[in-house]
Amino acid sequence: VITQHRMESYKDDEWYEQATDVRSQLKFFEQLERLEK
């Protein structure tokens, strides 16, 4: 049951709202570092 829950994707579910997106945050910080450099 736990593995089935871990395989479920909530990205397209309308009842869930994404609070943080780590990938986009990392890309943003990488861009900031490039601009600073």
Full PDB file with SEQRES, HELIX, SHEET, SSBOND, CRYST1, ORIGX, SCALE, CONECT and MASTER records, all heavy atoms in Angstrom:
SEQRES   1 A   37  VAL ILE THR GLN HIS ARG MET GLU SER TYR LYS ASP ASP          
SEQRES   2 A   37  GLU TRP TYR GLU GLN ALA THR ASP VAL ARG SER GLN LEU          
SEQRES   3 A   37  LYS PHE PHE GLU GLN LEU GLU ARG LEU GLU LYS                  
HELIX    1 AA1 ILE A    2  MET A    7  1                                   6    
HELIX    2 AA2 VAL A   22  GLU A   36  1                                  15    
CRYST1    1.000    1.000    1.000  90.00  90.00  90.00 P 1           1          
ORIGX1      1.000000  0.000000  0.000000        0.00000                         
ORIGX2      0.000000  1.000000  0.000000        0.00000                         
ORIGX3      0.000000  0.000000  1.000000        0.00000                         
SCALE1      1.000000  0.000000  0.000000        0.00000                         
SCALE2      0.000000  1.000000  0.000000        0.00000                         
SCALE3      0.000000  0.000000  1.000000        0.00000                         
ATOM      1  N   VAL A   1       0.837  -1.201   0.000  1.00  0.00           N  
ATOM      2  CA  VAL A   1       0.000   0.000   0.000  1.00  0.00           C  
ATOM      3  C   VAL A   1       0.870   1.248   0.000  1.00  0.00           C  
ATOM      4  O   VAL A   1       0.607   2.217  -0.726  1.00  0.00           O  
ATOM      5  CB  VAL A   1      -0.952  -0.009   1.215  1.00  0.00           C  
ATOM      6  CG1 VAL A   1      -1.631   1.326   1.397  1.00  0.00           C  
ATOM      7  CG2 VAL A   1      -1.985  -1.103   1.054  1.00  0.00           C  
ATOM      8  N   ILE A   2       1.942   1.237   0.788  1.00  0.00           N  
ATOM      9  CA  ILE A   2       2.839   2.391   0.855  1.00  0.00           C  
ATOM     10  C   ILE A   2       3.494   2.646  -0.499  1.00  0.00           C  
ATOM     11  O   ILE A   2       3.562   3.790  -0.964  1.00  0.00           O  
ATOM     12  CB  ILE A   2       3.906   2.172   1.952  1.00  0.00           C  
ATOM     13  CG1 ILE A   2       3.252   2.239   3.330  1.00  0.00           C  
ATOM     14  CG2 ILE A   2       5.024   3.195   1.842  1.00  0.00           C  
ATOM     15  CD1 ILE A   2       4.154   1.797   4.458  1.00  0.00           C  
ATOM     16  N   THR A   3       3.949   1.585  -1.153  1.00  0.00           N  
ATOM     17  CA  THR A   3       4.587   1.785  -2.466  1.00  0.00           C  
ATOM     18  C   THR A   3       3.590   2.286  -3.500  1.00  0.00           C  
ATOM     19  O   THR A   3       3.948   3.087  -4.363  1.00  0.00           O  
ATOM     20  CB  THR A   3       5.238   0.492  -2.975  1.00  0.00           C  
ATOM     21  OG1 THR A   3       4.257  -0.545  -3.025  1.00  0.00           O  
ATOM     22  CG2 THR A   3       6.388   0.082  -2.092  1.00  0.00           C  
ATOM     23  N   GLN A   4       2.345   1.828  -3.413  1.00  0.00           N  
ATOM     24  CA  GLN A   4       1.341   2.335  -4.341  1.00  0.00           C  
ATOM     25  C   GLN A   4       1.068   3.809  -4.092  1.00  0.00           C  
ATOM     26  O   GLN A   4       0.882   4.581  -5.035  1.00  0.00           O  
ATOM     27  CB  GLN A   4       0.044   1.531  -4.210  1.00  0.00           C  
ATOM     28  CG  GLN A   4       0.170   0.142  -4.773  1.00  0.00           C  
ATOM     29  CD  GLN A   4      -1.053  -0.713  -4.497  1.00  0.00           C  
ATOM     30  OE1 GLN A   4      -1.918  -0.329  -3.723  1.00  0.00           O  
ATOM     31  NE2 GLN A   4      -1.112  -1.879  -5.100  1.00  0.00           N  
ATOM     32  N   HIS A   5       1.083   4.227  -2.843  1.00  0.00           N  
ATOM     33  CA  HIS A   5       0.887   5.648  -2.539  1.00  0.00           C  
ATOM     34  C   HIS A   5       2.049   6.479  -3.043  1.00  0.00           C  
ATOM     35  O   HIS A   5       1.861   7.600  -3.510  1.00  0.00           O  
ATOM     36  CB  HIS A   5       0.732   5.844  -1.034  1.00  0.00           C  
ATOM     37  CG  HIS A   5      -0.606   5.431  -0.525  1.00  0.00           C  
ATOM     38  ND1 HIS A   5      -1.008   5.675   0.748  1.00  0.00           N  
ATOM     39  CD2 HIS A   5      -1.637   4.784  -1.112  1.00  0.00           C  
ATOM     40  CE1 HIS A   5      -2.223   5.208   0.931  1.00  0.00           C  
ATOM     41  NE2 HIS A   5      -2.622   4.649  -0.195  1.00  0.00           N  
ATOM     42  N   ARG A   6       3.265   5.944  -2.950  1.00  0.00           N  
ATOM     43  CA  ARG A   6       4.432   6.695  -3.392  1.00  0.00           C  
ATOM     44  C   ARG A   6       4.460   6.850  -4.900  1.00  0.00           C  
ATOM     45  O   ARG A   6       5.054   7.782  -5.425  1.00  0.00           O  
ATOM     46  CB  ARG A   6       5.710   6.012  -2.915  1.00  0.00           C  
ATOM     47  CG  ARG A   6       5.847   6.076  -1.400  1.00  0.00           C  
ATOM     48  CD  ARG A   6       7.182   5.739  -0.965  1.00  0.00           C  
ATOM     49  NE  ARG A   6       8.083   6.824  -1.317  1.00  0.00           N  
ATOM     50  CZ  ARG A   6       9.350   6.842  -1.036  1.00  0.00           C  
ATOM     51  NH1 ARG A   6       9.882   5.848  -0.396  1.00  0.00           N  
ATOM     52  NH2 ARG A   6      10.117   7.854  -1.377  1.00  0.00           N  
ATOM     53  N   MET A   7       3.819   5.927  -5.617  1.00  0.00           N  
ATOM     54  CA  MET A   7       3.825   5.995  -7.079  1.00  0.00           C  
ATOM     55  C   MET A   7       2.743   6.928  -7.604  1.00  0.00           C  
ATOM     56  O   MET A   7       2.773   7.302  -8.771  1.00  0.00           O  
ATOM     57  CB  MET A   7       3.636   4.595  -7.676  1.00  0.00           C  
ATOM     58  CG  MET A   7       4.825   3.697  -7.435  1.00  0.00           C  
ATOM     59  SD  MET A   7       4.805   2.069  -8.208  1.00  0.00           S  
ATOM     60  CE  MET A   7       3.134   1.671  -8.496  1.00  0.00           C  
ATOM     61  N   GLU A   8       1.796   7.322  -6.750  1.00  0.00           N  
ATOM     62  CA  GLU A   8       0.733   8.206  -7.204  1.00  0.00           C  
ATOM     63  C   GLU A   8       1.285   9.610  -7.448  1.00  0.00           C  
ATOM     64  O   GLU A   8       2.123  10.095  -6.712  1.00  0.00           O  
ATOM     65  CB  GLU A   8      -0.383   8.280  -6.159  1.00  0.00           C  
ATOM     66  CG  GLU A   8      -1.181   7.014  -6.048  1.00  0.00           C  
ATOM     67  CD  GLU A   8      -2.269   7.107  -4.993  1.00  0.00           C  
ATOM     68  OE1 GLU A   8      -2.493   8.205  -4.452  1.00  0.00           O  
ATOM     69  OE2 GLU A   8      -2.871   6.076  -4.700  1.00  0.00           O  
ATOM     70  N   SER A   9       0.806  10.238  -8.490  1.00  0.00           N  
ATOM     71  CA  SER A   9       1.236  11.583  -8.819  1.00  0.00           C  
ATOM     72  C   SER A   9       0.103  12.551  -8.521  1.00  0.00           C  
ATOM     73  O   SER A   9      -1.023  12.364  -8.974  1.00  0.00           O  
ATOM     74  CB  SER A   9       1.613  11.666 -10.300  1.00  0.00           C  
ATOM     75  OG  SER A   9       1.944  12.989 -10.625  1.00  0.00           O  
ATOM     76  N   TYR A  10       0.422  13.584  -7.775  1.00  0.00           N  
ATOM     77  CA  TYR A  10      -0.591  14.562  -7.402  1.00  0.00           C  
ATOM     78  C   TYR A  10      -0.448  15.856  -8.204  1.00  0.00           C  
ATOM     79  O   TYR A  10      -1.131  16.828  -7.918  1.00  0.00           O  
ATOM     80  CB  TYR A  10      -0.497  14.876  -5.909  1.00  0.00           C  
ATOM     81  CG  TYR A  10      -0.786  13.674  -5.049  1.00  0.00           C  
ATOM     82  CD1 TYR A  10       0.225  13.012  -4.372  1.00  0.00           C  
ATOM     83  CD2 TYR A  10      -2.077  13.203  -4.923  1.00  0.00           C  
ATOM     84  CE1 TYR A  10      -0.051  11.904  -3.588  1.00  0.00           C  
ATOM     85  CE2 TYR A  10      -2.364  12.097  -4.143  1.00  0.00           C  
ATOM     86  CZ  TYR A  10      -1.353  11.454  -3.475  1.00  0.00           C  
ATOM     87  OH  TYR A  10      -1.630  10.371  -2.714  1.00  0.00           O  
ATOM     88  N   LYS A  11       0.422  15.867  -9.201  1.00  0.00           N  
ATOM     89  CA  LYS A  11       0.645  17.087  -9.980  1.00  0.00           C  
ATOM     90  C   LYS A  11      -0.616  17.537 -10.714  1.00  0.00           C  
ATOM     91  O   LYS A  11      -0.906  18.720 -10.796  1.00  0.00           O  
ATOM     92  CB  LYS A  11       1.770  16.870 -10.991  1.00  0.00           C  
ATOM     93  CG  LYS A  11       3.121  16.762 -10.367  1.00  0.00           C  
ATOM     94  CD  LYS A  11       4.182  16.571 -11.428  1.00  0.00           C  
ATOM     95  CE  LYS A  11       5.548  16.439 -10.808  1.00  0.00           C  
ATOM     96  NZ  LYS A  11       6.566  16.193 -11.817  1.00  0.00           N  
ATOM     97  N   ASP A  12      -1.343  16.582 -11.264  1.00  0.00           N  
ATOM     98  CA  ASP A  12      -2.514  16.926 -12.078  1.00  0.00           C  
ATOM     99  C   ASP A  12      -3.808  16.958 -11.267  1.00  0.00           C  
ATOM    100  O   ASP A  12      -4.858  17.266 -11.816  1.00  0.00           O  
ATOM    101  CB  ASP A  12      -2.659  15.917 -13.221  1.00  0.00           C  
ATOM    102  CG  ASP A  12      -1.433  15.918 -14.113  1.00  0.00           C  
ATOM    103  OD1 ASP A  12      -0.800  16.988 -14.232  1.00  0.00           O  
ATOM    104  OD2 ASP A  12      -1.109  14.858 -14.680  1.00  0.00           O  
ATOM    105  N   ASP A  13      -3.742  16.625 -10.002  1.00  0.00           N  
ATOM    106  CA  ASP A  13      -4.952  16.588  -9.182  1.00  0.00           C  
ATOM    107  C   ASP A  13      -5.361  18.005  -8.809  1.00  0.00           C  
ATOM    108  O   ASP A  13      -4.563  18.795  -8.309  1.00  0.00           O  
ATOM    109  CB  ASP A  13      -4.697  15.772  -7.919  1.00  0.00           C  
ATOM    110  CG  ASP A  13      -5.975  15.370  -7.214  1.00  0.00           C  
ATOM    111  OD1 ASP A  13      -7.037  15.902  -7.580  1.00  0.00           O  
ATOM    112  OD2 ASP A  13      -5.904  14.521  -6.312  1.00  0.00           O  
ATOM    113  N   GLU A  14      -6.618  18.329  -9.056  1.00  0.00           N  
ATOM    114  CA  GLU A  14      -7.095  19.696  -8.812  1.00  0.00           C  
ATOM    115  C   GLU A  14      -7.236  20.017  -7.335  1.00  0.00           C  
ATOM    116  O   GLU A  14      -7.301  21.183  -6.954  1.00  0.00           O  
ATOM    117  CB  GLU A  14      -8.433  19.897  -9.512  1.00  0.00           C  
ATOM    118  CG  GLU A  14      -9.543  19.018  -8.968  1.00  0.00           C  
ATOM    119  CD  GLU A  14     -10.826  19.135  -9.774  1.00  0.00           C  
ATOM    120  OE1 GLU A  14     -10.744  19.187 -11.013  1.00  0.00           O  
ATOM    121  OE2 GLU A  14     -11.887  19.164  -9.140  1.00  0.00           O  
ATOM    122  N   TRP A  15      -7.271  18.995  -6.489  1.00  0.00           N  
ATOM    123  CA  TRP A  15      -7.459  19.230  -5.053  1.00  0.00           C  
ATOM    124  C   TRP A  15      -6.141  19.514  -4.337  1.00  0.00           C  
ATOM    125  O   TRP A  15      -6.135  19.863  -3.159  1.00  0.00           O  
ATOM    126  CB  TRP A  15      -8.141  18.024  -4.412  1.00  0.00           C  
ATOM    127  CG  TRP A  15      -9.536  17.852  -4.913  1.00  0.00           C  
ATOM    128  CD1 TRP A  15      -9.979  16.952  -5.830  1.00  0.00           C  
ATOM    129  CD2 TRP A  15     -10.677  18.625  -4.551  1.00  0.00           C  
ATOM    130  NE1 TRP A  15     -11.310  17.086  -6.058  1.00  0.00           N  
ATOM    131  CE2 TRP A  15     -11.774  18.128  -5.275  1.00  0.00           C  
ATOM    132  CE3 TRP A  15     -10.889  19.696  -3.687  1.00  0.00           C  
ATOM    133  CZ2 TRP A  15     -13.050  18.654  -5.154  1.00  0.00           C  
ATOM    134  CZ3 TRP A  15     -12.167  20.205  -3.574  1.00  0.00           C  
ATOM    135  CH2 TRP A  15     -13.225  19.683  -4.295  1.00  0.00           C  
ATOM    136  N   TYR A  16      -5.026  19.337  -5.018  1.00  0.00           N  
ATOM    137  CA  TYR A  16      -3.730  19.579  -4.412  1.00  0.00           C  
ATOM    138  C   TYR A  16      -3.087  20.804  -5.046  1.00  0.00           C  
ATOM    139  O   TYR A  16      -3.121  20.969  -6.253  1.00  0.00           O  
ATOM    140  CB  TYR A  16      -2.815  18.363  -4.589  1.00  0.00           C  
ATOM    141  CG  TYR A  16      -3.241  17.194  -3.754  1.00  0.00           C  
ATOM    142  CD1 TYR A  16      -4.071  16.209  -4.283  1.00  0.00           C  
ATOM    143  CD2 TYR A  16      -2.834  17.077  -2.438  1.00  0.00           C  
ATOM    144  CE1 TYR A  16      -4.482  15.140  -3.515  1.00  0.00           C  
ATOM    145  CE2 TYR A  16      -3.234  16.011  -1.666  1.00  0.00           C  
ATOM    146  CZ  TYR A  16      -4.053  15.046  -2.208  1.00  0.00           C  
ATOM    147  OH  TYR A  16      -4.459  13.991  -1.447  1.00  0.00           O  
ATOM    148  N   GLU A  17      -2.507  21.614  -4.206  1.00  0.00           N  
ATOM    149  CA  GLU A  17      -1.826  22.813  -4.675  1.00  0.00           C  
ATOM    150  C   GLU A  17      -0.351  22.685  -4.320  1.00  0.00           C  
ATOM    151  O   GLU A  17       0.002  22.376  -3.185  1.00  0.00           O  
ATOM    152  CB  GLU A  17      -2.420  24.046  -3.973  1.00  0.00           C  
ATOM    153  CG  GLU A  17      -1.771  25.341  -4.376  1.00  0.00           C  
ATOM    154  CD  GLU A  17      -2.415  26.513  -3.651  1.00  0.00           C  
ATOM    155  OE1 GLU A  17      -3.648  26.557  -3.581  1.00  0.00           O  
ATOM    156  OE2 GLU A  17      -1.659  27.356  -3.147  1.00  0.00           O  
ATOM    157  N   GLN A  18       0.491  22.933  -5.290  1.00  0.00           N  
ATOM    158  CA  GLN A  18       1.913  22.784  -5.068  1.00  0.00           C  
ATOM    159  C   GLN A  18       2.421  23.965  -4.255  1.00  0.00           C  
ATOM    160  O   GLN A  18       2.265  25.126  -4.642  1.00  0.00           O  
ATOM    161  CB  GLN A  18       2.639  22.714  -6.409  1.00  0.00           C  
ATOM    162  CG  GLN A  18       4.097  22.398  -6.260  1.00  0.00           C  
ATOM    163  CD  GLN A  18       4.725  22.117  -7.615  1.00  0.00           C  
ATOM    164  OE1 GLN A  18       4.059  22.144  -8.627  1.00  0.00           O  
ATOM    165  NE2 GLN A  18       6.006  21.850  -7.610  1.00  0.00           N  
ATOM    166  N   ALA A  19       3.013  23.661  -3.109  1.00  0.00           N  
ATOM    167  CA  ALA A  19       3.481  24.718  -2.214  1.00  0.00           C  
ATOM    168  C   ALA A  19       4.884  25.179  -2.610  1.00  0.00           C  
ATOM    169  O   ALA A  19       5.162  26.373  -2.645  1.00  0.00           O  
ATOM    170  CB  ALA A  19       3.473  24.224  -0.775  1.00  0.00           C  
ATOM    171  N   THR A  20       5.773  24.247  -2.901  1.00  0.00           N  
ATOM    172  CA  THR A  20       7.129  24.607  -3.298  1.00  0.00           C  
ATOM    173  C   THR A  20       7.558  23.725  -4.458  1.00  0.00           C  
ATOM    174  O   THR A  20       7.162  22.576  -4.565  1.00  0.00           O  
ATOM    175  CB  THR A  20       8.135  24.397  -2.141  1.00  0.00           C  
ATOM    176  OG1 THR A  20       8.083  23.019  -1.749  1.00  0.00           O  
ATOM    177  CG2 THR A  20       7.811  25.283  -0.963  1.00  0.00           C  
ATOM    178  N   ASP A  21       8.377  24.314  -5.311  1.00  0.00           N  
ATOM    179  CA  ASP A  21       8.955  23.576  -6.424  1.00  0.00           C  
ATOM    180  C   ASP A  21      10.464  23.726  -6.323  1.00  0.00           C  
ATOM    181  O   ASP A  21      11.028  24.758  -6.693  1.00  0.00           O  
ATOM    182  CB  ASP A  21       8.426  24.116  -7.746  1.00  0.00           C  
ATOM    183  CG  ASP A  21       8.910  23.293  -8.924  1.00  0.00           C  
ATOM    184  OD1 ASP A  21       9.487  22.209  -8.699  1.00  0.00           O  
ATOM    185  OD2 ASP A  21       8.703  23.733 -10.066  1.00  0.00           O  
ATOM    186  N   VAL A  22      11.110  22.714  -5.799  1.00  0.00           N  
ATOM    187  CA  VAL A  22      12.537  22.774  -5.514  1.00  0.00           C  
ATOM    188  C   VAL A  22      13.349  22.936  -6.793  1.00  0.00           C  
ATOM    189  O   VAL A  22      14.336  23.678  -6.821  1.00  0.00           O  
ATOM    190  CB  VAL A  22      12.972  21.519  -4.733  1.00  0.00           C  
ATOM    191  CG1 VAL A  22      14.465  21.522  -4.470  1.00  0.00           C  
ATOM    192  CG2 VAL A  22      12.208  21.423  -3.419  1.00  0.00           C  
ATOM    193  N   ARG A  23      12.958  22.279  -7.865  1.00  0.00           N  
ATOM    194  CA  ARG A  23      13.710  22.376  -9.117  1.00  0.00           C  
ATOM    195  C   ARG A  23      13.740  23.812  -9.642  1.00  0.00           C  
ATOM    196  O   ARG A  23      14.789  24.318 -10.041  1.00  0.00           O  
ATOM    197  CB  ARG A  23      13.114  21.458 -10.171  1.00  0.00           C  
ATOM    198  CG  ARG A  23      13.388  20.008  -9.909  1.00  0.00           C  
ATOM    199  CD  ARG A  23      12.869  19.140 -11.010  1.00  0.00           C  
ATOM    200  NE  ARG A  23      13.106  17.743 -10.696  1.00  0.00           N  
ATOM    201  CZ  ARG A  23      12.480  16.751 -11.256  1.00  0.00           C  
ATOM    202  NH1 ARG A  23      11.570  16.981 -12.171  1.00  0.00           N  
ATOM    203  NH2 ARG A  23      12.755  15.516 -10.921  1.00  0.00           N  
ATOM    204  N   SER A  24      12.579  24.454  -9.648  1.00  0.00           N  
ATOM    205  CA  SER A  24      12.551  25.835 -10.146  1.00  0.00           C  
ATOM    206  C   SER A  24      13.329  26.761  -9.212  1.00  0.00           C  
ATOM    207  O   SER A  24      13.972  27.711  -9.669  1.00  0.00           O  
ATOM    208  CB  SER A  24      11.112  26.315 -10.310  1.00  0.00           C  
ATOM    209  OG  SER A  24      10.455  26.370  -9.072  1.00  0.00           O  
ATOM    210  N   GLN A  25      13.294  26.492  -7.912  1.00  0.00           N  
ATOM    211  CA  GLN A  25      14.081  27.297  -6.981  1.00  0.00           C  
ATOM    212  C   GLN A  25      15.579  27.133  -7.243  1.00  0.00           C  
ATOM    213  O   GLN A  25      16.330  28.119  -7.238  1.00  0.00           O  
ATOM    214  CB  GLN A  25      13.760  26.901  -5.532  1.00  0.00           C  
ATOM    215  CG  GLN A  25      12.370  27.306  -5.089  1.00  0.00           C  
ATOM    216  CD  GLN A  25      12.019  26.782  -3.713  1.00  0.00           C  
ATOM    217  OE1 GLN A  25      12.778  26.007  -3.122  1.00  0.00           O  
ATOM    218  NE2 GLN A  25      10.874  27.200  -3.210  1.00  0.00           N  
ATOM    219  N   LEU A  26      16.013  25.899  -7.495  1.00  0.00           N  
ATOM    220  CA  LEU A  26      17.427  25.662  -7.798  1.00  0.00           C  
ATOM    221  C   LEU A  26      17.834  26.347  -9.096  1.00  0.00           C  
ATOM    222  O   LEU A  26      18.917  26.948  -9.184  1.00  0.00           O  
ATOM    223  CB  LEU A  26      17.709  24.160  -7.877  1.00  0.00           C  
ATOM    224  CG  LEU A  26      17.731  23.408  -6.553  1.00  0.00           C  
ATOM    225  CD1 LEU A  26      17.881  21.915  -6.797  1.00  0.00           C  
ATOM    226  CD2 LEU A  26      18.858  23.904  -5.669  1.00  0.00           C  
ATOM    227  N   LYS A  27      16.984  26.266 -10.120  1.00  0.00           N  
ATOM    228  CA  LYS A  27      17.289  26.940 -11.387  1.00  0.00           C  
ATOM    229  C   LYS A  27      17.392  28.445 -11.184  1.00  0.00           C  
ATOM    230  O   LYS A  27      18.267  29.103 -11.750  1.00  0.00           O  
ATOM    231  CB  LYS A  27      16.213  26.621 -12.433  1.00  0.00           C  
ATOM    232  CG  LYS A  27      16.276  25.222 -12.958  1.00  0.00           C  
ATOM    233  CD  LYS A  27      15.182  24.969 -13.967  1.00  0.00           C  
ATOM    234  CE  LYS A  27      15.192  23.530 -14.438  1.00  0.00           C  
ATOM    235  NZ  LYS A  27      14.084  23.255 -15.367  1.00  0.00           N  
ATOM    236  N   PHE A  28      16.512  29.000 -10.361  1.00  0.00           N  
ATOM    237  CA  PHE A  28      16.548  30.433 -10.084  1.00  0.00           C  
ATOM    238  C   PHE A  28      17.859  30.818  -9.412  1.00  0.00           C  
ATOM    239  O   PHE A  28      18.505  31.802  -9.790  1.00  0.00           O  
ATOM    240  CB  PHE A  28      15.352  30.821  -9.202  1.00  0.00           C  
ATOM    241  CG  PHE A  28      15.345  32.240  -8.774  1.00  0.00           C  
ATOM    242  CD1 PHE A  28      15.024  33.255  -9.669  1.00  0.00           C  
ATOM    243  CD2 PHE A  28      15.675  32.586  -7.473  1.00  0.00           C  
ATOM    244  CE1 PHE A  28      15.026  34.582  -9.281  1.00  0.00           C  
ATOM    245  CE2 PHE A  28      15.683  33.910  -7.071  1.00  0.00           C  
ATOM    246  CZ  PHE A  28      15.354  34.909  -7.978  1.00  0.00           C  
ATOM    247  N   PHE A  29      18.279  30.037  -8.417  1.00  0.00           N  
ATOM    248  CA  PHE A  29      19.549  30.347  -7.733  1.00  0.00           C  
ATOM    249  C   PHE A  29      20.743  30.173  -8.654  1.00  0.00           C  
ATOM    250  O   PHE A  29      21.720  30.943  -8.579  1.00  0.00           O  
ATOM    251  CB  PHE A  29      19.715  29.483  -6.479  1.00  0.00           C  
ATOM    252  CG  PHE A  29      18.813  29.890  -5.347  1.00  0.00           C  
ATOM    253  CD1 PHE A  29      17.980  28.978  -4.738  1.00  0.00           C  
ATOM    254  CD2 PHE A  29      18.802  31.201  -4.877  1.00  0.00           C  
ATOM    255  CE1 PHE A  29      17.148  29.354  -3.696  1.00  0.00           C  
ATOM    256  CE2 PHE A  29      17.983  31.588  -3.837  1.00  0.00           C  
ATOM    257  CZ  PHE A  29      17.152  30.662  -3.244  1.00  0.00           C  
ATOM    258  N   GLU A  30      20.700  29.191  -9.547  1.00  0.00           N  
ATOM    259  CA  GLU A  30      21.785  29.025 -10.517  1.00  0.00           C  
ATOM    260  C   GLU A  30      21.860  30.231 -11.448  1.00  0.00           C  
ATOM    261  O   GLU A  30      22.947  30.716 -11.776  1.00  0.00           O  
ATOM    262  CB  GLU A  30      21.584  27.735 -11.320  1.00  0.00           C  
ATOM    263  CG  GLU A  30      21.850  26.482 -10.518  1.00  0.00           C  
ATOM    264  CD  GLU A  30      21.483  25.222 -11.280  1.00  0.00           C  
ATOM    265  OE1 GLU A  30      20.961  25.323 -12.419  1.00  0.00           O  
ATOM    266  OE2 GLU A  30      21.704  24.136 -10.731  1.00  0.00           O  
ATOM    267  N   GLN A  31      20.714  30.727 -11.895  1.00  0.00           N  
ATOM    268  CA  GLN A  31      20.697  31.916 -12.747  1.00  0.00           C  
ATOM    269  C   GLN A  31      21.245  33.121 -11.987  1.00  0.00           C  
ATOM    270  O   GLN A  31      22.001  33.930 -12.547  1.00  0.00           O  
ATOM    271  CB  GLN A  31      19.280  32.209 -13.235  1.00  0.00           C  
ATOM    272  CG  GLN A  31      18.784  31.245 -14.273  1.00  0.00           C  
ATOM    273  CD  GLN A  31      17.334  31.514 -14.651  1.00  0.00           C  
ATOM    274  OE1 GLN A  31      16.661  32.340 -14.031  1.00  0.00           O  
ATOM    275  NE2 GLN A  31      16.850  30.807 -15.663  1.00  0.00           N  
ATOM    276  N   LEU A  32      20.868  33.265 -10.711  1.00  0.00           N  
ATOM    277  CA  LEU A  32      21.400  34.368  -9.901  1.00  0.00           C  
ATOM    278  C   LEU A  32      22.921  34.285  -9.797  1.00  0.00           C  
ATOM    279  O   LEU A  32      23.614  35.309  -9.914  1.00  0.00           O  
ATOM    280  CB  LEU A  32      20.793  34.346  -8.494  1.00  0.00           C  
ATOM    281  CG  LEU A  32      19.416  34.956  -8.327  1.00  0.00           C  
ATOM    282  CD1 LEU A  32      18.962  34.810  -6.887  1.00  0.00           C  
ATOM    283  CD2 LEU A  32      19.431  36.423  -8.712  1.00  0.00           C  
ATOM    284  N   GLU A  33      23.444  33.074  -9.577  1.00  0.00           N  
ATOM    285  CA  GLU A  33      24.895  32.900  -9.484  1.00  0.00           C  
ATOM    286  C   GLU A  33      25.574  33.250 -10.796  1.00  0.00           C  
ATOM    287  O   GLU A  33      26.635  33.895 -10.805  1.00  0.00           O  
ATOM    288  CB  GLU A  33      25.219  31.457  -9.089  1.00  0.00           C  
ATOM    289  CG  GLU A  33      24.922  31.144  -7.642  1.00  0.00           C  
ATOM    290  CD  GLU A  33      25.213  29.687  -7.304  1.00  0.00           C  
ATOM    291  OE1 GLU A  33      25.679  28.926  -8.187  1.00  0.00           O  
ATOM    292  OE2 GLU A  33      24.959  29.312  -6.154  1.00  0.00           O  
ATOM    293  N   ARG A  34      24.984  32.821 -11.924  1.00  0.00           N  
ATOM    294  CA  ARG A  34      25.561  33.158 -13.224  1.00  0.00           C  
ATOM    295  C   ARG A  34      25.579  34.666 -13.461  1.00  0.00           C  
ATOM    296  O   ARG A  34      26.576  35.237 -13.919  1.00  0.00           O  
ATOM    297  CB  ARG A  34      24.773  32.469 -14.348  1.00  0.00           C  
ATOM    298  CG  ARG A  34      25.303  31.091 -14.666  1.00  0.00           C  
ATOM    299  CD  ARG A  34      24.683  30.527 -15.935  1.00  0.00           C  
ATOM    300  NE  ARG A  34      23.750  29.482 -15.515  1.00  0.00           N  
ATOM    301  CZ  ARG A  34      22.465  29.441 -15.794  1.00  0.00           C  
ATOM    302  NH1 ARG A  34      21.919  30.370 -16.537  1.00  0.00           N  
ATOM    303  NH2 ARG A  34      21.697  28.474 -15.362  1.00  0.00           N  
ATOM    304  N   LEU A  35      24.467  35.338 -13.142  1.00  0.00           N  
ATOM    305  CA  LEU A  35      24.413  36.793 -13.312  1.00  0.00           C  
ATOM    306  C   LEU A  35      25.428  37.493 -12.418  1.00  0.00           C  
ATOM    307  O   LEU A  35      26.101  38.457 -12.835  1.00  0.00           O  
ATOM    308  CB  LEU A  35      23.001  37.309 -13.014  1.00  0.00           C  
ATOM    309  CG  LEU A  35      21.922  36.943 -14.030  1.00  0.00           C  
ATOM    310  CD1 LEU A  35      20.548  37.362 -13.514  1.00  0.00           C  
ATOM    311  CD2 LEU A  35      22.221  37.600 -15.358  1.00  0.00           C  
ATOM    312  N   GLU A  36      25.551  37.020 -11.188  1.00  0.00           N  
ATOM    313  CA  GLU A  36      26.517  37.609 -10.250  1.00  0.00           C  
ATOM    314  C   GLU A  36      27.939  37.408 -10.761  1.00  0.00           C  
ATOM    315  O   GLU A  36      28.780  38.323 -10.706  1.00  0.00           O  
ATOM    316  CB  GLU A  36      26.345  36.966  -8.865  1.00  0.00           C  
ATOM    317  CG  GLU A  36      27.166  37.598  -7.779  1.00  0.00           C  
ATOM    318  CD  GLU A  36      26.665  38.970  -7.397  1.00  0.00           C  
ATOM    319  OE1 GLU A  36      25.468  39.260  -7.585  1.00  0.00           O  
ATOM    320  OE2 GLU A  36      27.499  39.763  -6.927  1.00  0.00           O  
ATOM    321  N   LYS A  37      28.218  36.219 -11.309  1.00  0.00           N  
ATOM    322  CA  LYS A  37      29.550  35.944 -11.843  1.00  0.00           C  
ATOM    323  C   LYS A  37      29.831  36.825 -13.065  1.00  0.00           C  
ATOM    324  O   LYS A  37      30.937  37.377 -13.207  1.00  0.00           O  
ATOM    325  CB  LYS A  37      29.657  34.466 -12.221  1.00  0.00           C  
ATOM    326  CG  LYS A  37      31.045  34.062 -12.668  1.00  0.00           C  
ATOM    327  CD  LYS A  37      31.114  32.593 -12.952  1.00  0.00           C  
ATOM    328  CE  LYS A  37      32.500  32.236 -13.430  1.00  0.00           C  
ATOM    329  NZ  LYS A  37      32.626  30.834 -13.793  1.00  0.00           N  
TER     330      LYS A  37                                                      
MASTER        0    0    0    2    0    0    0    6  329    1    0    3          
END                                                                             
